[in-house]
C-alpha atoms as a PDB file:
ATOM      1  CA  MET A   1     -62.837  21.330 -31.280  1.00  0.00           C
ATOM      2  CA  GLU A   2     -63.020  19.763 -27.866  1.00  0.00           C
ATOM      3  CA  LEU A   3     -64.736  21.005 -24.711  1.00  0.00           C
ATOM      4  CA  ALA A   4     -64.134  19.339 -21.331  1.00  0.00           C
ATOM      5  CA  THR A   5     -65.892  19.867 -18.021  1.00  0.00           C
ATOM      6  CA  GLY A   6     -62.794  19.695 -15.835  1.00  0.00           C
ATOM      7  CA  VAL A   7     -62.711  17.235 -12.934  1.00  0.00           C
ATOM      8  CA  LEU A   8     -66.168  16.604 -11.451  1.00  0.00           C
ATOM      9  CA  SER A   9     -67.471  14.989  -8.283  1.00  0.00           C
ATOM     10  CA  ARG A  10     -69.629  11.909  -8.845  1.00  0.00           C
ATOM     11  CA  THR A  11     -72.788  13.955  -8.256  1.00  0.00           C
ATOM     12  CA  ASP A  12     -71.736  16.663 -10.710  1.00  0.00           C
ATOM     13  CA  TYR A  13     -70.603  14.035 -13.223  1.00  0.00           C
ATOM     14  CA  ILE A  14     -74.108  12.554 -13.237  1.00  0.00           C
ATOM     15  CA  ARG A  15     -75.655  16.046 -13.481  1.00  0.00           C
ATOM     16  CA  ALA A  16     -73.388  16.841 -16.446  1.00  0.00           C
ATOM     17  CA  ALA A  17     -74.377  13.536 -18.085  1.00  0.00           C
ATOM     18  CA  GLU A  18     -78.036  14.524 -17.702  1.00  0.00           C
ATOM     19  CA  ARG A  19     -77.233  17.794 -19.509  1.00  0.00           C
ATOM     20  CA  VAL A  20     -75.559  15.762 -22.282  1.00  0.00           C
ATOM     21  CA  VAL A  21     -78.820  13.867 -22.811  1.00  0.00           C
ATOM     22  CA  GLU A  22     -80.754  17.172 -22.905  1.00  0.00           C
ATOM     23  CA  PHE A  23     -78.240  18.604 -25.372  1.00  0.00           C
ATOM     24  CA  ILE A  24     -78.350  15.629 -27.741  1.00  0.00           C
ATOM     25  CA  ARG A  25     -82.156  15.636 -27.558  1.00  0.00           C
ATOM     26  CA  SER A  26     -82.161  19.362 -28.472  1.00  0.00           C
ATOM     27  CA  LEU A  27     -80.295  18.435 -31.671  1.00  0.00           C
ATOM     28  CA  GLY A  28     -83.164  16.173 -32.692  1.00  0.00           C
ATOM     29  CA  ALA A  29     -81.313  12.902 -32.141  1.00  0.00           C
ATOM     30  CA  ALA A  30     -83.374  10.067 -30.702  1.00  0.00           C
ATOM     31  CA  GLU A  31     -80.647   7.418 -30.752  1.00  0.00           C
ATOM     32  CA  VAL A  32     -76.975   7.217 -29.825  1.00  0.00           C
ATOM     33  CA  LEU A  33     -74.124   4.763 -30.245  1.00  0.00           C
ATOM     34  CA  VAL A  34     -72.489   3.798 -26.939  1.00  0.00           C
ATOM     35  CA  ALA A  35     -69.279   1.810 -26.411  1.00  0.00           C
ATOM     36  CA  TYR A  36     -67.383   0.691 -23.351  1.00  0.00           C
ATOM     37  CA  GLY A  37     -63.766   1.863 -23.488  1.00  0.00           C
ATOM     38  CA  PHE A  38     -60.541   2.143 -21.500  1.00  0.00           C
ATOM     39  CA  GLY A  39     -60.785   0.789 -17.961  1.00  0.00           C
ATOM     40  CA  CYS A  40     -64.088  -1.019 -18.449  1.00  0.00           C
ATOM     41  CA  ASP A  41     -64.315  -4.584 -17.184  1.00  0.00           C
ATOM     42  CA  CYS A  42     -66.957  -5.740 -19.630  1.00  0.00           C
ATOM     43  CA  PRO A  43     -66.698  -8.947 -21.674  1.00  0.00           C
ATOM     44  CA  ASP A  44     -63.982  -8.533 -24.333  1.00  0.00           C
ATOM     45  CA  GLU A  45     -66.456  -8.777 -27.204  1.00  0.00           C
ATOM     46  CA  GLN A  46     -68.289  -5.689 -25.862  1.00  0.00           C
ATOM     47  CA  LEU A  47     -65.203  -3.470 -25.517  1.00  0.00           C
ATOM     48  CA  TYR A  48     -65.149  -0.625 -28.106  1.00  0.00           C
ATOM     49  CA  GLN A  49     -68.250  -2.036 -29.809  1.00  0.00           C
ATOM     50  CA  ASN A  50     -70.882   0.591 -30.612  1.00  0.00           C
ATOM     51  CA  VAL A  51     -74.275  -0.363 -29.241  1.00  0.00           C
ATOM     52  CA  PRO A  52     -77.210   1.562 -30.725  1.00  0.00           C
ATOM     53  CA  MET A  53     -79.785   2.635 -28.169  1.00  0.00           C
ATOM     54  CA  SER A  54     -82.461   5.206 -27.603  1.00  0.00           C
ATOM     55  CA  LEU A  55     -81.173   8.430 -26.095  1.00  0.00           C
ATOM     56  CA  GLY A  56     -83.372   7.777 -23.062  1.00  0.00           C
ATOM     57  CA  GLY A  57     -81.482   4.537 -22.491  1.00  0.00           C
ATOM     58  CA  LEU A  58     -78.067   6.185 -21.976  1.00  0.00           C
ATOM     59  CA  LEU A  59     -78.294   6.997 -18.254  1.00  0.00           C
ATOM     60  CA  PRO A  60     -79.875   3.619 -17.394  1.00  0.00           C
ATOM     61  CA  PHE A  61     -77.096   1.952 -19.462  1.00  0.00           C
ATOM     62  CA  MET A  62     -74.503   3.724 -17.321  1.00  0.00           C
ATOM     63  CA  SER A  63     -76.265   2.615 -14.127  1.00  0.00           C
ATOM     64  CA  GLU A  64     -76.596  -0.953 -15.375  1.00  0.00           C
ATOM     65  CA  GLY A  65     -72.913  -0.978 -16.355  1.00  0.00           C
ATOM     66  CA  GLU A  66     -72.045  -0.049 -12.778  1.00  0.00           C
ATOM     67  CA  ARG A  67     -74.398  -2.688 -11.365  1.00  0.00           C
ATOM     68  CA  LEU A  68     -72.696  -5.327 -13.532  1.00  0.00           C
ATOM     69  CA  ASP A  69     -69.254  -3.921 -12.611  1.00  0.00           C
ATOM     70  CA  TYR A  70     -68.503  -3.350 -16.313  1.00  0.00           C
ATOM     71  CA  TYR A  71     -68.228   0.423 -15.993  1.00  0.00           C
ATOM     72  CA  ARG A  72     -67.506   2.874 -13.169  1.00  0.00           C
ATOM     73  CA  ILE A  73     -68.786   6.443 -13.527  1.00  0.00           C
ATOM     74  CA  GLY A  74     -65.834   8.845 -13.684  1.00  0.00           C
ATOM     75  CA  LYS A  75     -63.293   6.011 -13.504  1.00  0.00           C
ATOM     76  CA  ASP A  76     -63.688   4.252 -16.880  1.00  0.00           C
ATOM     77  CA  ASN A  77     -64.242   5.526 -20.427  1.00  0.00           C
ATOM     78  CA  LEU A  78     -67.618   5.410 -22.117  1.00  0.00           C
ATOM     79  CA  HIS A  79     -67.900   6.646 -25.719  1.00  0.00           C
ATOM     80  CA  VAL A  80     -71.181   8.187 -26.916  1.00  0.00           C
ATOM     81  CA  LYS A  81     -71.845   9.353 -30.481  1.00  0.00           C
ATOM     82  CA  ASP A  82     -74.858  10.539 -32.367  1.00  0.00           C
ATOM     83  CA  GLY A  83     -75.695   8.458 -35.408  1.00  0.00           C
ATOM     84  CA  ILE A  84     -74.555  11.029 -37.979  1.00  0.00           C
ATOM     85  CA  GLY A  85     -71.123  11.997 -36.673  1.00  0.00           C
ATOM     86  CA  ARG A  86     -71.899  15.557 -35.545  1.00  0.00           C
ATOM     87  CA  THR A  87     -71.225  14.931 -31.877  1.00  0.00           C
ATOM     88  CA  GLU A  88     -69.050  12.665 -29.794  1.00  0.00           C
ATOM     89  CA  PHE A  89     -68.781  12.524 -26.014  1.00  0.00           C
ATOM     90  CA  LEU A  90     -66.135  10.821 -23.950  1.00  0.00           C
ATOM     91  CA  PHE A  91     -67.286  10.084 -20.423  1.00  0.00           C
ATOM     92  CA  CYS A  92     -63.702   9.974 -19.258  1.00  0.00           C
ATOM     93  CA  HIS A  93     -61.826   7.909 -16.670  1.00  0.00           C
ATOM     94  CA  GLU A  94     -60.297  11.171 -15.362  1.00  0.00           C
ATOM     95  CA  SER A  95     -63.673  12.242 -13.864  1.00  0.00           C
ATOM     96  CA  ASP A  96     -64.408  14.709 -16.648  1.00  0.00           C
ATOM     97  CA  ILE A  97     -66.591  14.677 -19.753  1.00  0.00           C
ATOM     98  CA  HIS A  98     -65.260  15.647 -23.181  1.00  0.00           C
ATOM     99  CA  PHE A  99     -67.324  16.890 -26.123  1.00  0.00           C
ATOM    100  CA  ILE A 100     -65.749  16.594 -29.559  1.00  0.00           C
ATOM    101  CA  SER A 101     -67.279  18.288 -32.595  1.00  0.00           C
ATOM    102  CA  GLU A 102     -66.132  20.171 -35.674  1.00  0.00           C
ATOM    103  CA  ASP A 103     -69.213  22.395 -35.319  1.00  0.00           C
ATOM    104  CA  ALA A 104     -68.173  25.491 -33.314  1.00  0.00           C
ATOM    105  CA  GLU A 105     -71.816  26.516 -32.857  1.00  0.00           C
ATOM    106  CA  LEU A 106     -72.591  23.207 -31.132  1.00  0.00           C
ATOM    107  CA  VAL A 107     -69.530  23.554 -28.906  1.00  0.00           C
ATOM    108  CA  GLY A 108     -70.724  27.035 -27.934  1.00  0.00           C
ATOM    109  CA  ARG A 109     -74.249  25.792 -27.195  1.00  0.00           C
ATOM    110  CA  LEU A 110     -73.001  23.029 -24.908  1.00  0.00           C
ATOM    111  CA  LYS A 111     -70.560  25.400 -23.211  1.00  0.00           C
ATOM    112  CA  ASP A 112     -73.470  27.741 -22.446  1.00  0.00           C
ATOM    113  CA  LEU A 113     -75.623  24.854 -21.189  1.00  0.00           C
ATOM    114  CA  TRP A 114     -72.882  23.599 -18.867  1.00  0.00           C
ATOM    115  CA  LEU A 115     -72.133  27.141 -17.627  1.00  0.00           C
ATOM    116  CA  ALA A 116     -75.827  27.677 -16.875  1.00  0.00           C
ATOM    117  CA  ALA A 117     -75.778  24.418 -14.876  1.00  0.00           C
ATOM    118  CA  GLY A 118     -72.865  25.755 -12.806  1.00  0.00           C
ATOM    119  CA  PHE A 119     -69.959  23.870 -14.391  1.00  0.00           C
ATOM    120  CA  THR A 120     -67.389  26.662 -14.410  1.00  0.00           C
ATOM    121  CA  GLY A 121     -64.126  24.701 -14.517  1.00  0.00           C
ATOM    122  CA  MET A 122     -64.307  23.906 -18.230  1.00  0.00           C
ATOM    123  CA  TYR A 123     -61.504  23.805 -20.771  1.00  0.00           C
ATOM    124  CA  LEU A 124     -61.607  24.270 -24.542  1.00  0.00           C
ATOM    125  CA  LYS A 125     -59.153  22.982 -27.117  1.00  0.00           C
ATOM    126  CA  GLY A 126     -59.211  24.239 -30.672  1.00  0.00           C
ATOM    127  CA  ALA A 127     -56.144  23.850 -32.838  1.00  0.00           C
ATOM    128  CA  GLY A 128     -53.762  24.625 -29.967  1.00  0.00           C
ATOM    129  CA  GLU A 129     -53.509  23.856 -26.274  1.00  0.00           C
ATOM    130  CA  TRP A 130     -56.242  23.500 -23.653  1.00  0.00           C
ATOM    131  CA  GLU A 131     -57.505  26.905 -22.495  1.00  0.00           C
ATOM    132  CA  PRO A 132     -59.763  27.614 -19.492  1.00  0.00           C
ATOM    133  CA  VAL A 133     -63.291  28.698 -20.388  1.00  0.00           C
ATOM    134  CA  ALA A 134     -64.240  31.975 -18.751  1.00  0.00           C
ATOM    135  CA  ALA A 135     -67.609  31.968 -17.028  1.00  0.00           C
ATOM    136  CA  GLU A 136     -69.626  35.105 -17.696  1.00  0.00           C
ATOM    137  CA  PRO A 137     -68.813  37.698 -16.534  1.00  0.00           C
ATOM    138  CA  GLY A 138     -65.674  36.710 -14.558  1.00  0.00           C
ATOM    139  CA  PRO A 139     -62.840  34.226 -15.115  1.00  0.00           C
ATOM    140  CA  ALA A 140     -63.279  30.474 -14.782  1.00  0.00           C
ATOM    141  CA  GLU A 141     -62.750  28.951 -11.375  1.00  0.00           C
ATOM    142  CA  PRO A 142     -59.454  27.181 -10.933  1.00  0.00           C
ATOM    143  CA  GLY A 143     -59.607  23.432 -11.353  1.00  0.00           C
ATOM    144  CA  ALA A 144     -57.712  20.488 -12.668  1.00  0.00           C
ATOM    145  CA  ALA A 145     -57.062  20.451 -16.389  1.00  0.00           C
ATOM    146  CA  PRO A 146     -58.744  17.707 -18.406  1.00  0.00           C
ATOM    147  CA  ASP A 147     -56.978  14.512 -19.351  1.00  0.00           C
ATOM    148  CA  THR A 148     -55.279  15.561 -22.582  1.00  0.00           C
ATOM    149  CA  ALA A 149     -54.450  11.988 -23.548  1.00  0.00           C
ATOM    150  CA  GLY A 150     -58.182  11.122 -23.523  1.00  0.00           C
END
């Protein structure tokens, strides 16, 4: 399954990334694997190479990537995985964040966390097409669909 935030402003993108850290921490993970991806202007030997780091290092890594001009928040891809393969996040170049997991319960937990934080333009993809996620109790706000090539 895949859950995507929909297009976010820079401020909301950073807020959603903070919720990702909270979510991964709630799963008991202390470390993540992070890799620069599509669009990044890092040295070639760092592209698509998983770098293990403490979960607390993720947001500073993103900031440092911007400072070095290796990575641009919401404009380049950054791949984040837990160490055991339960969760994968794509901080996407289309200004949205994707969560990929085979665990429907985890997808539901993150959906609820993002809804509680006010991210109502989400989309969910199971076996079929992208579908808007309805915010409780009304329908989801209109917004741009996530990058389905991502």
